[in-house]
Amino acid sequence: MSARTAVITGGANGIGLAIARRFLAAEFNVVIADVDDQALDAARALDAGRLVTVVADVGDPEAMERVRRVAVDAFGSVEVLCANAGIGGSSPVSAAADLDRWHRVWDVNVFGVVHSINAFLPELRASGGHIFITASRTGLVATPYTGAYGASKFAVVALGEMLAAELAEAGDDVAVTLLCPGAVRTELASHGAAGADADPRQAAVHAERWKTAISADELAEHVHHALTTRQRYVITHPVTIDWMRDRLEAVAEDARRGPTVVGES
């Protein structure tokens, strides 16, 4: 049986690189796509004869189609897609928005996922594959002062849930797993914490989250485990579940204050 192949976007740093290491250790072929050519040079040190790297911007649908062609030409099929590429963009929504920054964050964090799925879903349907989407607990429970980043993660959680439901209804044997970790010690996260200095409230949020941060390698172990369990969500910090419960209870309690709509249940 030939080795399975995983394609990882944003795979040259942080969470993506840790996932690449874990999959290589599990005898996967790995294709890393990243916009950072210098980081890709460093990632090539992982090469075990089963690694291909591609310079690509996930915000460009043609680039993701090129990544697909490279993966299939190199290894014949794709069994796992990790739509992981992402950038930060935390700021108070109540402050004047940097619209250029909002557009760029959404181009990468949301449309990058859309482009990745569009490019690879036919391959994954054929292989009975698995899609991992890197979201965040910020995509499950709104976190003040996370701005474009937080909103983008809510969007990809919804996108992943809709995709999973549609695939199940169609009878497609493709698993979808949403990664919703708490703080993870990566370069992206540390830059987010440093950038928070401009707003003391935002800095306080980052500092509190950082106290319980896990390593990218720990998250990669969760990803590898989910290949077997095919679970829908990876939640690394149990407090996230408490926050989700509190949020839903608050929504329900507030809704009960409104008028009853006749004929609705």
C-alpha atoms as a PDB file:
ATOM      1  CA  MET A   1       0.000   0.000   0.000  1.00  0.00           C
ATOM      2  CA  SER A   2       1.448   3.366  -1.030  1.00  0.00           C
ATOM      3  CA  ALA A   3       1.955   6.074   1.568  1.00  0.00           C
ATOM      4  CA  ARG A   4      -0.823   8.568   2.132  1.00  0.00           C
ATOM      5  CA  THR A   5      -0.225  12.182   1.150  1.00  0.00           C
ATOM      6  CA  ALA A   6      -0.984  15.296   3.199  1.00  0.00           C
ATOM      7  CA  VAL A   7      -1.018  18.825   1.813  1.00  0.00           C
ATOM      8  CA  ILE A   8      -0.447  21.536   4.433  1.00  0.00           C
ATOM      9  CA  THR A   9      -0.942  25.206   3.677  1.00  0.00           C
ATOM     10  CA  GLY A  10       1.008  27.657   5.822  1.00  0.00           C
ATOM     11  CA  GLY A  11       3.231  24.674   6.547  1.00  0.00           C
ATOM     12  CA  ALA A  12       6.616  26.379   6.800  1.00  0.00           C
ATOM     13  CA  ASN A  13       6.114  27.767  10.312  1.00  0.00           C
ATOM     14  CA  GLY A  14       4.341  27.185  13.596  1.00  0.00           C
ATOM     15  CA  ILE A  15       1.345  24.862  13.648  1.00  0.00           C
ATOM     16  CA  GLY A  16       1.717  23.883   9.992  1.00  0.00           C
ATOM     17  CA  LEU A  17       5.350  22.922  10.365  1.00  0.00           C
ATOM     18  CA  ALA A  18       4.588  20.877  13.493  1.00  0.00           C
ATOM     19  CA  ILE A  19       1.845  19.020  11.613  1.00  0.00           C
ATOM     20  CA  ALA A  20       4.269  18.386   8.742  1.00  0.00           C
ATOM     21  CA  ARG A  21       6.815  16.888  11.150  1.00  0.00           C
ATOM     22  CA  ARG A  22       4.158  14.676  12.726  1.00  0.00           C
ATOM     23  CA  PHE A  23       2.878  13.399   9.387  1.00  0.00           C
ATOM     24  CA  LEU A  24       6.387  12.697   8.125  1.00  0.00           C
ATOM     25  CA  ALA A  25       7.008  10.706  11.312  1.00  0.00           C
ATOM     26  CA  ALA A  26       3.855   8.731  10.489  1.00  0.00           C
ATOM     27  CA  GLU A  27       5.263   7.870   7.034  1.00  0.00           C
ATOM     28  CA  PHE A  28       3.069  10.286   5.081  1.00  0.00           C
ATOM     29  CA  ASN A  29       4.171  12.020   1.942  1.00  0.00           C
ATOM     30  CA  VAL A  30       3.927  15.736   2.697  1.00  0.00           C
ATOM     31  CA  VAL A  31       3.429  18.770   0.479  1.00  0.00           C
ATOM     32  CA  ILE A  32       4.019  22.095   2.218  1.00  0.00           C
ATOM     33  CA  ALA A  33       2.614  25.215   0.576  1.00  0.00           C
ATOM     34  CA  ASP A  34       3.608  28.583   1.975  1.00  0.00           C
ATOM     35  CA  VAL A  35       4.024  32.145   0.800  1.00  0.00           C
ATOM     36  CA  ASP A  36       7.330  32.496   2.699  1.00  0.00           C
ATOM     37  CA  ASP A  37      10.095  31.150   0.461  1.00  0.00           C
ATOM     38  CA  GLN A  38      12.804  31.616   3.105  1.00  0.00           C
ATOM     39  CA  ALA A  39      10.818  29.642   5.664  1.00  0.00           C
ATOM     40  CA  LEU A  40      10.289  26.928   3.064  1.00  0.00           C
ATOM     41  CA  ASP A  41      14.069  26.685   2.650  1.00  0.00           C
ATOM     42  CA  ALA A  42      14.324  25.871   6.365  1.00  0.00           C
ATOM     43  CA  ALA A  43      11.396  23.428   6.179  1.00  0.00           C
ATOM     44  CA  ARG A  44      13.204  21.459   3.499  1.00  0.00           C
ATOM     45  CA  ALA A  45      15.571  20.283   6.232  1.00  0.00           C
ATOM     46  CA  LEU A  46      12.762  17.910   7.255  1.00  0.00           C
ATOM     47  CA  ASP A  47      13.100  16.069   3.963  1.00  0.00           C
ATOM     48  CA  ALA A  48      12.934  12.320   4.367  1.00  0.00           C
ATOM     49  CA  GLY A  49      12.521  11.703   0.640  1.00  0.00           C
ATOM     50  CA  ARG A  50       8.781  12.285   1.030  1.00  0.00           C
ATOM     51  CA  LEU A  51       8.575  16.089   1.177  1.00  0.00           C
ATOM     52  CA  VAL A  52       7.738  18.591  -1.549  1.00  0.00           C
ATOM     53  CA  THR A  53       7.497  22.346  -0.987  1.00  0.00           C
ATOM     54  CA  VAL A  54       5.642  24.907  -3.070  1.00  0.00           C
ATOM     55  CA  VAL A  55       5.634  28.696  -2.865  1.00  0.00           C
ATOM     56  CA  ALA A  56       1.975  29.681  -2.977  1.00  0.00           C
ATOM     57  CA  ASP A  57      -0.386  32.346  -1.658  1.00  0.00           C
ATOM     58  CA  VAL A  58      -3.640  30.706  -0.528  1.00  0.00           C
ATOM     59  CA  GLY A  59      -5.432  33.939  -1.346  1.00  0.00           C
ATOM     60  CA  ASP A  60      -4.864  33.140  -5.028  1.00  0.00           C
ATOM     61  CA  PRO A  61      -7.114  30.338  -6.357  1.00  0.00           C
ATOM     62  CA  GLU A  62      -4.801  29.681  -9.303  1.00  0.00           C
ATOM     63  CA  ALA A  63      -1.899  29.172  -6.889  1.00  0.00           C
ATOM     64  CA  MET A  64      -3.866  26.538  -4.998  1.00  0.00           C
ATOM     65  CA  GLU A  65      -4.706  24.744  -8.221  1.00  0.00           C
ATOM     66  CA  ARG A  66      -0.971  24.696  -8.950  1.00  0.00           C
ATOM     67  CA  VAL A  67      -0.313  23.175  -5.517  1.00  0.00           C
ATOM     68  CA  ARG A  68      -2.839  20.443  -6.329  1.00  0.00           C
ATOM     69  CA  ARG A  69      -1.082  19.635  -9.596  1.00  0.00           C
ATOM     70  CA  VAL A  70       2.295  19.486  -7.861  1.00  0.00           C
ATOM     71  CA  ALA A  71       0.939  17.135  -5.178  1.00  0.00           C
ATOM     72  CA  VAL A  72      -0.745  14.771  -7.626  1.00  0.00           C
ATOM     73  CA  ASP A  73       2.242  14.754  -9.994  1.00  0.00           C
ATOM     74  CA  ALA A  74       4.597  13.969  -7.113  1.00  0.00           C
ATOM     75  CA  PHE A  75       2.573  11.383  -5.196  1.00  0.00           C
ATOM     76  CA  GLY A  76      -0.436  10.352  -7.276  1.00  0.00           C
ATOM     77  CA  SER A  77      -3.214  11.154  -4.808  1.00  0.00           C
ATOM     78  CA  VAL A  78      -4.063  13.331  -1.814  1.00  0.00           C
ATOM     79  CA  GLU A  79      -5.639  11.881   1.326  1.00  0.00           C
ATOM     80  CA  VAL A  80      -5.336  14.797   3.763  1.00  0.00           C
ATOM     81  CA  LEU A  81      -5.714  18.554   3.342  1.00  0.00           C
ATOM     82  CA  CYS A  82      -4.698  20.826   6.204  1.00  0.00           C
ATOM     83  CA  ALA A  83      -6.112  24.266   5.385  1.00  0.00           C
ATOM     84  CA  ASN A  84      -3.893  25.900   7.960  1.00  0.00           C
ATOM     85  CA  ALA A  85      -2.517  29.129   6.490  1.00  0.00           C
ATOM     86  CA  GLY A  86      -3.491  32.166   8.495  1.00  0.00           C
ATOM     87  CA  ILE A  87      -2.400  35.620   9.548  1.00  0.00           C
ATOM     88  CA  GLY A  88      -3.211  37.774  12.554  1.00  0.00           C
ATOM     89  CA  GLY A  89      -5.164  40.984  12.593  1.00  0.00           C
ATOM     90  CA  SER A  90      -6.367  41.730  16.103  1.00  0.00           C
ATOM     91  CA  SER A  91      -7.783  45.139  16.902  1.00  0.00           C
ATOM     92  CA  PRO A  92     -10.886  46.523  18.622  1.00  0.00           C
ATOM     93  CA  VAL A  93     -13.942  46.433  16.368  1.00  0.00           C
ATOM     94  CA  SER A  94     -15.030  49.648  18.092  1.00  0.00           C
ATOM     95  CA  ALA A  95     -11.944  51.458  16.743  1.00  0.00           C
ATOM     96  CA  ALA A  96     -11.564  52.781  13.208  1.00  0.00           C
ATOM     97  CA  ALA A  97     -10.978  49.764  10.981  1.00  0.00           C
ATOM     98  CA  ASP A  98      -7.908  49.346   8.797  1.00  0.00           C
ATOM     99  CA  LEU A  99      -9.879  48.093   5.812  1.00  0.00           C
ATOM    100  CA  ASP A 100      -6.824  47.001   3.857  1.00  0.00           C
ATOM    101  CA  ARG A 101      -5.829  44.832   6.808  1.00  0.00           C
ATOM    102  CA  TRP A 102      -9.348  43.388   7.132  1.00  0.00           C
ATOM    103  CA  HIS A 103      -9.385  42.438   3.461  1.00  0.00           C
ATOM    104  CA  ARG A 104      -5.967  40.785   3.656  1.00  0.00           C
ATOM    105  CA  VAL A 105      -6.862  38.809   6.797  1.00  0.00           C
ATOM    106  CA  TRP A 106     -10.040  37.539   5.170  1.00  0.00           C
ATOM    107  CA  ASP A 107      -8.267  36.786   1.866  1.00  0.00           C
ATOM    108  CA  VAL A 108      -5.918  34.451   3.717  1.00  0.00           C
ATOM    109  CA  ASN A 109      -7.945  33.138   6.668  1.00  0.00           C
ATOM    110  CA  VAL A 110     -11.288  32.664   4.919  1.00  0.00           C
ATOM    111  CA  PHE A 111     -10.851  32.716   1.156  1.00  0.00           C
ATOM    112  CA  GLY A 112      -7.625  30.761   1.551  1.00  0.00           C
ATOM    113  CA  VAL A 113      -9.707  27.944   3.048  1.00  0.00           C
ATOM    114  CA  VAL A 114     -12.289  28.268   0.277  1.00  0.00           C
ATOM    115  CA  HIS A 115      -9.613  28.129  -2.421  1.00  0.00           C
ATOM    116  CA  SER A 116      -7.939  25.138  -0.783  1.00  0.00           C
ATOM    117  CA  ILE A 117     -11.199  23.204  -0.581  1.00  0.00           C
ATOM    118  CA  ASN A 118     -12.105  24.073  -4.168  1.00  0.00           C
ATOM    119  CA  ALA A 119      -8.756  22.817  -5.396  1.00  0.00           C
ATOM    120  CA  PHE A 120      -8.567  19.592  -3.384  1.00  0.00           C
ATOM    121  CA  LEU A 121     -12.105  18.387  -2.714  1.00  0.00           C
ATOM    122  CA  PRO A 122     -12.316  16.268  -5.897  1.00  0.00           C
ATOM    123  CA  GLU A 123      -9.079  14.494  -4.890  1.00  0.00           C
ATOM    124  CA  LEU A 124     -10.330  13.964  -1.337  1.00  0.00           C
ATOM    125  CA  ARG A 125     -13.674  12.612  -2.516  1.00  0.00           C
ATOM    126  CA  ALA A 126     -11.805  10.095  -4.649  1.00  0.00           C
ATOM    127  CA  SER A 127      -9.532   9.008  -1.790  1.00  0.00           C
ATOM    128  CA  GLY A 128     -12.056   9.122   1.068  1.00  0.00           C
ATOM    129  CA  GLY A 129      -9.855  11.748   2.629  1.00  0.00           C
ATOM    130  CA  HIS A 130      -9.781  14.132   5.541  1.00  0.00           C
ATOM    131  CA  ILE A 131      -9.907  17.938   5.684  1.00  0.00           C
ATOM    132  CA  PHE A 132      -8.470  19.806   8.662  1.00  0.00           C
ATOM    133  CA  ILE A 133      -9.317  23.499   8.953  1.00  0.00           C
ATOM    134  CA  THR A 134      -7.307  25.567  11.401  1.00  0.00           C
ATOM    135  CA  ALA A 135      -9.783  27.796  13.180  1.00  0.00           C
ATOM    136  CA  SER A 136      -9.433  28.890  16.814  1.00  0.00           C
ATOM    137  CA  ARG A 137     -11.432  28.907  20.004  1.00  0.00           C
ATOM    138  CA  THR A 138     -11.971  32.531  18.994  1.00  0.00           C
ATOM    139  CA  GLY A 139     -14.150  31.023  16.248  1.00  0.00           C
ATOM    140  CA  LEU A 140     -16.367  29.359  18.868  1.00  0.00           C
ATOM    141  CA  VAL A 141     -16.602  32.112  21.475  1.00  0.00           C
ATOM    142  CA  ALA A 142     -16.256  35.756  20.470  1.00  0.00           C
ATOM    143  CA  THR A 143     -13.200  37.363  22.025  1.00  0.00           C
ATOM    144  CA  PRO A 144     -13.195  41.162  22.270  1.00  0.00           C
ATOM    145  CA  TYR A 145     -10.334  43.049  20.597  1.00  0.00           C
ATOM    146  CA  THR A 146      -9.578  40.286  18.069  1.00  0.00           C
ATOM    147  CA  GLY A 147     -11.184  42.181  15.174  1.00  0.00           C
ATOM    148  CA  ALA A 148     -10.617  40.827  11.675  1.00  0.00           C
ATOM    149  CA  TYR A 149      -8.875  37.715  13.007  1.00  0.00           C
ATOM    150  CA  GLY A 150     -11.687  36.730  15.377  1.00  0.00           C
ATOM    151  CA  ALA A 151     -14.374  37.356  12.782  1.00  0.00           C
ATOM    152  CA  SER A 152     -12.474  35.315  10.195  1.00  0.00           C
ATOM    153  CA  LYS A 153     -12.238  32.349  12.556  1.00  0.00           C
ATOM    154  CA  PHE A 154     -15.985  32.435  13.227  1.00  0.00           C
ATOM    155  CA  ALA A 155     -16.434  32.357   9.451  1.00  0.00           C
ATOM    156  CA  VAL A 156     -14.262  29.280   8.898  1.00  0.00           C
ATOM    157  CA  VAL A 157     -15.958  27.385  11.729  1.00  0.00           C
ATOM    158  CA  ALA A 158     -19.281  27.963   9.962  1.00  0.00           C
ATOM    159  CA  LEU A 159     -17.724  27.048   6.630  1.00  0.00           C
ATOM    160  CA  GLY A 160     -16.367  23.773   8.027  1.00  0.00           C
ATOM    161  CA  GLU A 161     -19.652  22.850   9.688  1.00  0.00           C
ATOM    162  CA  MET A 162     -21.602  23.486   6.480  1.00  0.00           C
ATOM    163  CA  LEU A 163     -19.077  21.512   4.433  1.00  0.00           C
ATOM    164  CA  ALA A 164     -19.258  18.534   6.800  1.00  0.00           C
ATOM    165  CA  ALA A 165     -23.069  18.522   6.702  1.00  0.00           C
ATOM    166  CA  GLU A 166     -23.172  18.735   2.905  1.00  0.00           C
ATOM    167  CA  LEU A 167     -20.615  15.957   2.449  1.00  0.00           C
ATOM    168  CA  ALA A 168     -22.500  13.706   4.868  1.00  0.00           C
ATOM    169  CA  GLU A 169     -25.791  14.352   3.092  1.00  0.00           C
ATOM    170  CA  ALA A 170     -24.173  13.503  -0.242  1.00  0.00           C
ATOM    171  CA  GLY A 171     -22.773  10.264   1.178  1.00  0.00           C
ATOM    172  CA  ASP A 172     -19.177  11.347   0.603  1.00  0.00           C
ATOM    173  CA  ASP A 173     -16.654   9.621   2.841  1.00  0.00           C
ATOM    174  CA  VAL A 174     -14.653  12.779   3.573  1.00  0.00           C
ATOM    175  CA  ALA A 175     -14.057  13.775   7.193  1.00  0.00           C
ATOM    176  CA  VAL A 176     -13.900  17.425   8.243  1.00  0.00           C
ATOM    177  CA  THR A 177     -12.150  18.425  11.451  1.00  0.00           C
ATOM    178  CA  LEU A 178     -12.084  21.955  12.824  1.00  0.00           C
ATOM    179  CA  LEU A 179      -9.010  22.791  14.897  1.00  0.00           C
ATOM    180  CA  CYS A 180     -10.163  25.162  17.638  1.00  0.00           C
ATOM    181  CA  PRO A 181      -7.174  25.446  19.955  1.00  0.00           C
ATOM    182  CA  GLY A 182      -6.619  27.935  22.698  1.00  0.00           C
ATOM    183  CA  ALA A 183      -3.321  29.789  22.708  1.00  0.00           C
ATOM    184  CA  VAL A 184      -0.519  27.995  20.857  1.00  0.00           C
ATOM    185  CA  ARG A 185       3.113  29.080  21.153  1.00  0.00           C
ATOM    186  CA  THR A 186       3.930  30.113  17.591  1.00  0.00           C
ATOM    187  CA  GLU A 187       5.538  33.076  15.867  1.00  0.00           C
ATOM    188  CA  LEU A 188       2.089  34.286  14.758  1.00  0.00           C
ATOM    189  CA  ALA A 189       0.781  34.182  18.323  1.00  0.00           C
ATOM    190  CA  SER A 190       3.826  35.929  19.760  1.00  0.00           C
ATOM    191  CA  HIS A 191       3.535  38.688  17.161  1.00  0.00           C
ATOM    192  CA  GLY A 192      -0.122  39.080  18.104  1.00  0.00           C
ATOM    193  CA  ALA A 193       0.826  39.491  21.754  1.00  0.00           C
ATOM    194  CA  ALA A 194       3.551  42.008  20.932  1.00  0.00           C
ATOM    195  CA  GLY A 195       1.277  43.985  18.650  1.00  0.00           C
ATOM    196  CA  ALA A 196      -1.266  44.262  21.412  1.00  0.00           C
ATOM    197  CA  ASP A 197       0.887  46.900  23.145  1.00  0.00           C
ATOM    198  CA  ALA A 198      -1.039  49.596  21.270  1.00  0.00           C
ATOM    199  CA  ASP A 199      -4.194  48.748  23.224  1.00  0.00           C
ATOM    200  CA  PRO A 200      -3.890  47.843  26.939  1.00  0.00           C
ATOM    201  CA  ARG A 201      -7.159  45.897  26.891  1.00  0.00           C
ATOM    202  CA  GLN A 202      -6.006  43.796  23.975  1.00  0.00           C
ATOM    203  CA  ALA A 203      -2.635  43.242  25.656  1.00  0.00           C
ATOM    204  CA  ALA A 204      -4.413  41.983  28.780  1.00  0.00           C
ATOM    205  CA  VAL A 205      -6.406  39.462  26.738  1.00  0.00           C
ATOM    206  CA  HIS A 206      -3.235  38.134  25.092  1.00  0.00           C
ATOM    207  CA  ALA A 207      -1.330  37.964  28.376  1.00  0.00           C
ATOM    208  CA  GLU A 208      -4.091  35.963  30.064  1.00  0.00           C
ATOM    209  CA  ARG A 209      -4.396  33.503  27.166  1.00  0.00           C
ATOM    210  CA  TRP A 210      -0.620  33.067  26.956  1.00  0.00           C
ATOM    211  CA  LYS A 211      -0.495  31.617  30.484  1.00  0.00           C
ATOM    212  CA  THR A 212      -2.066  28.362  29.289  1.00  0.00           C
ATOM    213  CA  ALA A 213      -0.520  28.192  25.813  1.00  0.00           C
ATOM    214  CA  ILE A 214       0.399  24.777  24.424  1.00  0.00           C
ATOM    215  CA  SER A 215       3.135  23.955  21.938  1.00  0.00           C
ATOM    216  CA  ALA A 216       2.540  23.489  18.231  1.00  0.00           C
ATOM    217  CA  ASP A 217       3.811  19.918  18.576  1.00  0.00           C
ATOM    218  CA  GLU A 218       1.089  19.189  21.143  1.00  0.00           C
ATOM    219  CA  LEU A 219      -1.552  20.424  18.720  1.00  0.00           C
ATOM    220  CA  ALA A 220      -0.011  18.303  15.952  1.00  0.00           C
ATOM    221  CA  GLU A 221      -0.524  15.225  18.149  1.00  0.00           C
ATOM    222  CA  HIS A 222      -4.215  16.128  18.413  1.00  0.00           C
ATOM    223  CA  VAL A 223      -4.359  16.350  14.616  1.00  0.00           C
ATOM    224  CA  HIS A 224      -2.753  12.952  14.137  1.00  0.00           C
ATOM    225  CA  HIS A 225      -5.141  11.420  16.686  1.00  0.00           C
ATOM    226  CA  ALA A 226      -8.137  12.927  14.856  1.00  0.00           C
ATOM    227  CA  LEU A 227      -7.138  11.043  11.703  1.00  0.00           C
ATOM    228  CA  THR A 228      -8.311   7.898  13.497  1.00  0.00           C
ATOM    229  CA  THR A 229     -11.270   9.281  15.441  1.00  0.00           C
ATOM    230  CA  ARG A 230     -12.487  11.469  12.532  1.00  0.00           C
ATOM    231  CA  GLN A 231     -13.801  13.833  15.179  1.00  0.00           C
ATOM    232  CA  ARG A 232     -15.450  17.060  14.070  1.00  0.00           C
ATOM    233  CA  TYR A 233     -13.695  19.365  16.544  1.00  0.00           C
ATOM    234  CA  VAL A 234     -10.278  19.483  18.178  1.00  0.00           C
ATOM    235  CA  ILE A 235     -10.551  21.583  21.339  1.00  0.00           C
ATOM    236  CA  THR A 236      -7.326  21.704  23.330  1.00  0.00           C
ATOM    237  CA  HIS A 237      -8.430  23.681  26.384  1.00  0.00           C
ATOM    238  CA  PRO A 238     -11.446  22.371  28.379  1.00  0.00           C
ATOM    239  CA  VAL A 239     -12.331  25.910  29.489  1.00  0.00           C
ATOM    240  CA  THR A 240     -13.386  26.564  25.884  1.00  0.00           C
ATOM    241  CA  ILE A 241     -16.302  24.148  26.363  1.00  0.00           C
ATOM    242  CA  ASP A 242     -17.357  26.037  29.488  1.00  0.00           C
ATOM    243  CA  TRP A 243     -17.249  29.324  27.572  1.00  0.00           C
ATOM    244  CA  MET A 244     -19.331  27.834  24.745  1.00  0.00           C
ATOM    245  CA  ARG A 245     -21.934  26.624  27.229  1.00  0.00           C
ATOM    246  CA  ASP A 246     -22.044  30.037  28.902  1.00  0.00           C
ATOM    247  CA  ARG A 247     -22.454  31.744  25.542  1.00  0.00           C
ATOM    248  CA  LEU A 248     -25.349  29.525  24.440  1.00  0.00           C
ATOM    249  CA  GLU A 249     -27.077  29.916  27.793  1.00  0.00           C
ATOM    250  CA  ALA A 250     -26.737  33.691  27.551  1.00  0.00           C
ATOM    251  CA  VAL A 251     -28.163  33.644  24.010  1.00  0.00           C
ATOM    252  CA  ALA A 252     -31.106  31.492  25.110  1.00  0.00           C
ATOM    253  CA  GLU A 253     -31.788  33.622  28.177  1.00  0.00           C
ATOM    254  CA  ASP A 254     -31.751  36.812  26.139  1.00  0.00           C
ATOM    255  CA  ALA A 255     -34.010  35.289  23.468  1.00  0.00           C
ATOM    256  CA  ARG A 256     -36.610  34.428  26.096  1.00  0.00           C
ATOM    257  CA  ARG A 257     -37.017  38.155  26.798  1.00  0.00           C
ATOM    258  CA  GLY A 258     -38.540  38.647  23.356  1.00  0.00           C
ATOM    259  CA  PRO A 259     -42.122  37.998  22.275  1.00  0.00           C
ATOM    260  CA  THR A 260     -43.212  34.456  21.483  1.00  0.00           C
ATOM    261  CA  VAL A 261     -43.695  33.950  17.738  1.00  0.00           C
ATOM    262  CA  VAL A 262     -46.907  32.013  17.068  1.00  0.00           C
ATOM    263  CA  GLY A 263     -46.424  28.917  14.961  1.00  0.00           C
ATOM    264  CA  GLU A 264     -42.684  28.579  15.646  1.00  0.00           C
ATOM    265  CA  SER A 265     -41.159  25.952  17.883  1.00  0.00           C
END
